[in-house]
Protein backbone atom coordinates (compact mmCIF):
# COMPACT_ATOMS: atom_id res chain seq x y z
CA MET A 1 83.22 106.47 98.39
CA PHE A 2 83.89 103.17 100.71
CA LEU A 3 87.54 102.95 99.09
CA LEU A 4 88.09 106.53 98.49
CA LYS A 5 87.92 106.94 102.12
CA TRP A 6 89.63 103.85 102.98
CA LEU A 7 92.54 103.45 100.14
CA PRO A 8 92.34 106.89 98.27
CA SER A 9 95.70 106.34 96.49
CA ARG A 10 94.74 102.35 96.15
CA ARG A 11 91.85 101.79 94.74
CA LEU A 12 92.87 101.04 91.15
CA GLU A 13 95.36 98.63 92.47
CA LEU A 14 92.95 97.47 94.89
CA LEU A 15 90.11 96.87 92.27
CA PHE A 16 92.74 95.25 89.52
CA SER A 17 93.77 92.28 92.76
CA LEU A 18 89.71 91.98 93.01
CA LEU A 19 89.04 91.23 89.82
CA LEU A 20 92.37 88.94 89.31
CA LEU A 21 91.08 86.71 92.23
CA LEU A 22 87.60 86.96 91.43
CA GLY A 23 89.16 85.72 87.65
CA CYS A 24 91.02 82.98 89.05
CA TYR A 25 87.76 81.79 91.44
CA GLY A 26 85.62 81.92 87.90
CA LEU A 27 88.64 79.44 86.14
CA ILE A 28 88.17 77.57 89.00
CA GLY A 29 85.39 76.72 88.22
CA LEU A 30 85.03 76.31 84.99
CA LEU A 31 87.88 73.67 85.28
CA GLN A 32 85.78 71.89 87.71
CA LYS A 33 82.50 71.59 85.51
CA GLN A 34 84.74 70.61 82.96
CA HIS A 35 85.70 67.72 84.83
CA THR A 36 89.12 68.37 85.04
CA SER A 37 89.22 68.10 88.90
CA GLU A 38 93.19 68.33 89.45
CA LEU A 39 93.69 71.10 87.66
CA ALA A 40 90.75 73.01 89.73
CA PHE A 41 92.60 71.82 92.54
CA TRP A 42 96.13 72.99 92.08
CA LEU A 43 94.63 76.33 90.94
CA ALA A 44 92.30 76.50 94.02
CA LEU A 45 95.57 75.96 96.14
CA LEU A 46 97.66 78.17 94.37
CA THR A 47 94.93 80.85 93.91
CA LEU A 48 94.20 81.11 98.09
CA GLU A 49 97.92 80.36 99.33
CA LEU A 50 99.96 82.13 96.98
CA LEU A 51 97.95 84.81 94.91
CA LEU A 52 95.72 86.48 97.54
CA PRO A 53 98.41 86.81 100.07
CA LEU A 54 101.05 88.25 97.08
CA THR A 55 98.14 90.73 96.12
CA THR A 56 97.19 91.71 99.81
CA GLY A 57 101.16 92.25 100.25
CA VAL A 58 101.33 94.32 97.24
CA LEU A 59 98.67 96.31 98.35
CA ALA A 60 100.03 97.09 102.03
CA ALA A 61 103.42 98.45 100.73
CA GLY A 62 101.53 101.37 99.73
CA LEU A 63 99.10 101.69 102.36
CA LEU A 64 101.77 104.65 103.91
CA ALA A 65 104.54 104.49 101.87
CA GLY A 66 104.03 106.78 98.59
CA ASP A 67 100.31 108.53 99.58
CA ALA A 68 100.69 111.83 98.38
CA ALA A 69 97.76 112.25 100.55
CA LEU A 70 100.13 111.46 103.31
CA ASP A 71 101.00 115.29 104.50
CA ILE A 72 97.30 116.57 104.44
CA LEU A 73 95.95 113.87 106.46
CA LEU A 74 99.67 114.23 109.15
CA THR A 75 98.57 118.02 109.29
CA ALA A 76 94.80 116.64 110.21
CA HIS A 77 96.46 115.86 113.38
CA ARG A 78 96.07 112.42 112.94
CA PRO A 79 99.09 109.95 113.34
CA ALA A 80 100.56 108.25 110.87
CA TRP A 81 100.13 104.84 113.32
CA GLN A 82 96.52 105.26 113.11
CA VAL A 83 96.12 105.61 109.54
CA LEU A 84 98.25 103.13 109.08
CA ALA A 85 95.95 100.60 111.36
CA GLU A 86 92.45 101.84 110.00
CA ARG A 87 94.08 100.94 106.01
CA ILE A 88 95.64 97.67 107.56
CA LEU A 89 91.98 96.39 109.06
CA PHE A 90 90.56 97.20 105.64
CA LEU A 91 92.76 95.57 103.80
CA THR A 92 93.08 92.52 106.22
CA ALA A 93 89.10 92.45 106.09
CA VAL A 94 88.97 92.49 102.19
CA GLY A 95 91.33 89.67 102.21
CA VAL A 96 89.42 87.68 104.46
CA LEU A 97 86.23 87.95 102.78
CA THR A 98 88.43 87.34 99.65
CA GLY A 99 89.79 84.25 101.24
CA GLY A 100 85.99 83.26 102.89
CA ALA A 101 84.71 83.19 99.45
CA GLY A 102 87.19 80.62 98.04
CA LEU A 103 86.83 78.52 100.63
CA LEU A 104 83.00 78.41 100.05
CA LEU A 105 83.31 78.23 96.40
CA SER A 106 85.94 75.52 96.42
CA GLU A 107 83.44 73.57 98.83
CA GLY A 108 80.07 74.19 96.49
CA TRP A 109 82.00 73.15 93.59
CA GLY A 110 83.14 70.04 95.36
CA ILE A 111 87.12 70.49 95.45
CA MET A 112 88.20 68.82 98.12
CA LEU A 113 91.16 70.89 99.94
CA PRO A 114 93.76 69.24 101.72
CA LYS A 115 92.71 70.23 104.71
CA ASP A 116 89.26 70.47 106.77
CA GLY A 117 86.77 72.74 108.99
CA VAL A 118 89.11 75.41 110.69
CA ASP A 119 92.37 74.25 109.36
CA ARG A 120 91.31 75.53 106.12
CA ILE A 121 91.46 79.12 107.00
CA PHE A 122 94.52 78.70 107.74
CA ILE A 123 95.62 77.82 104.37
CA TRP A 124 95.60 80.87 103.02
CA LEU A 125 95.51 83.24 106.83
CA SER A 126 99.13 82.73 107.73
CA PRO A 127 100.65 83.52 104.44
CA MET A 128 98.44 86.40 104.50
CA ALA A 129 99.08 88.00 107.50
CA PHE A 130 102.94 87.50 106.86
CA CYS A 131 102.94 89.32 103.27
CA LEU A 132 101.15 91.90 104.94
CA GLY A 133 103.42 92.22 108.16
CA LEU A 134 106.51 92.13 105.55
CA SER A 135 105.52 94.31 103.39
CA SER A 136 104.46 96.93 105.35
CA ALA A 137 107.37 96.92 107.68
CA VAL A 138 109.88 97.20 104.81
CA ALA A 139 107.88 100.22 102.98
CA LEU A 140 107.86 101.51 106.11
CA LEU A 141 111.58 101.22 106.70
CA ARG A 142 113.07 103.52 104.44
CA GLY A 143 109.19 104.98 103.47
CA ARG A 144 109.40 103.29 99.88
CA MET A 145 106.76 101.53 98.73
CA LEU A 146 108.56 99.64 95.94
CA ASP A 147 111.18 97.98 98.90
CA GLY A 148 107.66 96.63 100.24
CA ILE A 149 106.80 94.89 96.79
CA LEU A 150 110.25 93.63 96.18
CA ALA A 151 110.39 91.87 99.50
CA THR A 152 106.83 90.68 99.31
CA MET A 153 107.35 89.49 95.58
CA GLY A 154 110.95 88.19 96.59
CA MET A 155 110.04 86.10 99.72
CA MET A 156 106.93 84.55 97.61
CA GLY A 157 109.08 83.79 94.88
CA LEU A 158 111.77 82.22 96.89
CA SER A 159 109.24 80.04 98.46
CA LEU A 160 107.49 78.81 95.32
CA ILE A 161 111.41 78.14 93.82
CA MET A 162 111.84 76.08 97.32
CA LEU A 163 108.87 73.61 96.70
CA PRO A 164 111.11 70.93 94.52
CA LEU A 165 114.01 71.42 96.88
CA ILE A 166 112.57 70.71 100.56
CA PRO A 167 111.64 67.34 99.87
CA ARG A 168 115.26 66.66 98.68
CA GLY A 169 116.26 67.71 102.11
CA CYS A 170 114.18 65.46 103.77
CA ALA A 171 115.26 62.40 101.41
CA GLY A 172 117.20 61.21 104.56
CA ASN A 173 114.67 60.89 106.89
CA PRO A 174 113.18 57.49 107.95
CA ALA A 175 109.86 56.82 105.50
CA GLY A 176 106.43 58.07 107.10
CA THR A 177 108.57 61.12 109.91
CA ALA A 178 108.06 64.40 109.63
CA CYS A 179 110.10 67.11 107.97
CA ALA A 180 111.37 70.13 109.76
CA TRP A 181 112.52 72.13 106.53
CA TRP A 182 108.78 72.25 105.45
CA LEU A 183 108.97 75.18 108.79
CA ALA A 184 110.49 77.24 105.90
CA SER A 185 108.21 77.66 103.63
CA PRO A 186 104.79 79.44 104.23
CA ILE A 187 103.28 77.99 101.03
CA MET A 188 103.77 74.49 102.81
CA THR A 189 100.06 73.23 101.51
CA LEU A 190 101.32 73.51 98.01
CA GLY A 191 103.95 71.00 99.07
CA ASN A 192 103.06 68.62 101.72
CA ALA A 193 99.79 69.59 103.33
CA ALA A 194 100.27 65.85 105.26
CA ASP A 195 103.43 66.37 107.03
CA ALA A 196 102.53 66.35 110.90
CA PHE A 197 104.59 70.16 110.99
CA TRP A 198 101.86 71.79 108.86
CA PRO A 199 100.10 72.93 112.23
CA LEU A 200 103.32 74.45 113.20
CA ASN A 201 104.14 75.84 109.94
CA ARG A 202 101.27 77.78 110.17
CA LEU A 203 101.32 79.09 113.66
CA THR A 204 105.01 79.96 112.75
CA TRP A 205 104.26 82.50 109.75
CA LEU A 206 101.00 83.73 111.34
CA GLY A 207 103.36 85.01 114.25
CA ALA A 208 105.86 86.45 112.17
CA GLY A 209 103.55 88.08 110.22
CA LEU A 210 101.87 89.59 113.38
CA ALA A 211 105.17 90.58 114.90
CA LEU A 212 105.91 92.08 111.74
CA LEU A 213 102.96 93.87 111.74
CA ALA A 214 103.61 95.43 115.72
CA ILE A 215 106.89 96.40 113.62
CA SER A 216 105.54 98.49 111.17
CA PHE A 217 103.20 100.21 114.01
CA ILE A 218 106.32 101.34 115.64
CA LEU A 219 108.26 102.27 112.26
CA ALA A 220 104.51 104.73 111.50
CA GLN A 221 105.66 106.83 114.61
CA ARG A 222 108.92 108.03 112.01
CA GLU A 223 106.75 110.02 110.10
CA GLU A 224 109.74 112.01 108.85
CA PRO A 225 111.21 109.58 106.51
CA LEU A 226 107.86 108.73 105.12
CA LEU A 227 107.35 112.84 103.91
CA HIS A 228 110.69 113.03 102.78
CA GLU A 229 110.07 110.30 100.35
CA VAL A 230 106.69 111.64 99.02
CA SER A 231 108.75 114.81 98.64
CA THR A 232 110.51 113.90 96.19
CA GLU A 233 108.25 111.82 94.48
């Protein structure tokens, strides 16, 4: 009933996302138990920095856009931005719990992630905040859920393609120096977590996500595009 209250039209997608992430965690533990530590390490990093943010972004696209019950919610004198805020908080809480569980499981299994302490949280928090903000803002721009999904998947897919290309742009740098090109990637930890620009990278993408979320609340005040899109589906 709790899921029905907060995400009434996206509960199946949320369940699928959680099962996918939990399945990845289970596979990571199995790989670590079978002494394939390197594969377990990369799968853990891929799940935390890419898969968790991506699934969160896909869900965020449908928090308001495409909600068949949106007209009922708005006629109950609840502004769209308030509904969006509640659902974003719920989805963020789910993401934080899932990401935190991934970190705890990795530590329990002896998987040494490339960052220690509080820094480990930003492995998944920064890209998750960015995907959440990007998907929500793009979906609300025209009131189309598909727009947000495509924007998030396209951005993360492009980031994955860029991973082997960025080191080529850094090839001319003196040995041992930082490379500013890594700031362009929200999944920098997968590419080069040891680079000195990693903290700035995390702050940049976290800030971009928060800015996009602020834009989402502004766009949510334009209720006409949302209702028009729902009525045409």
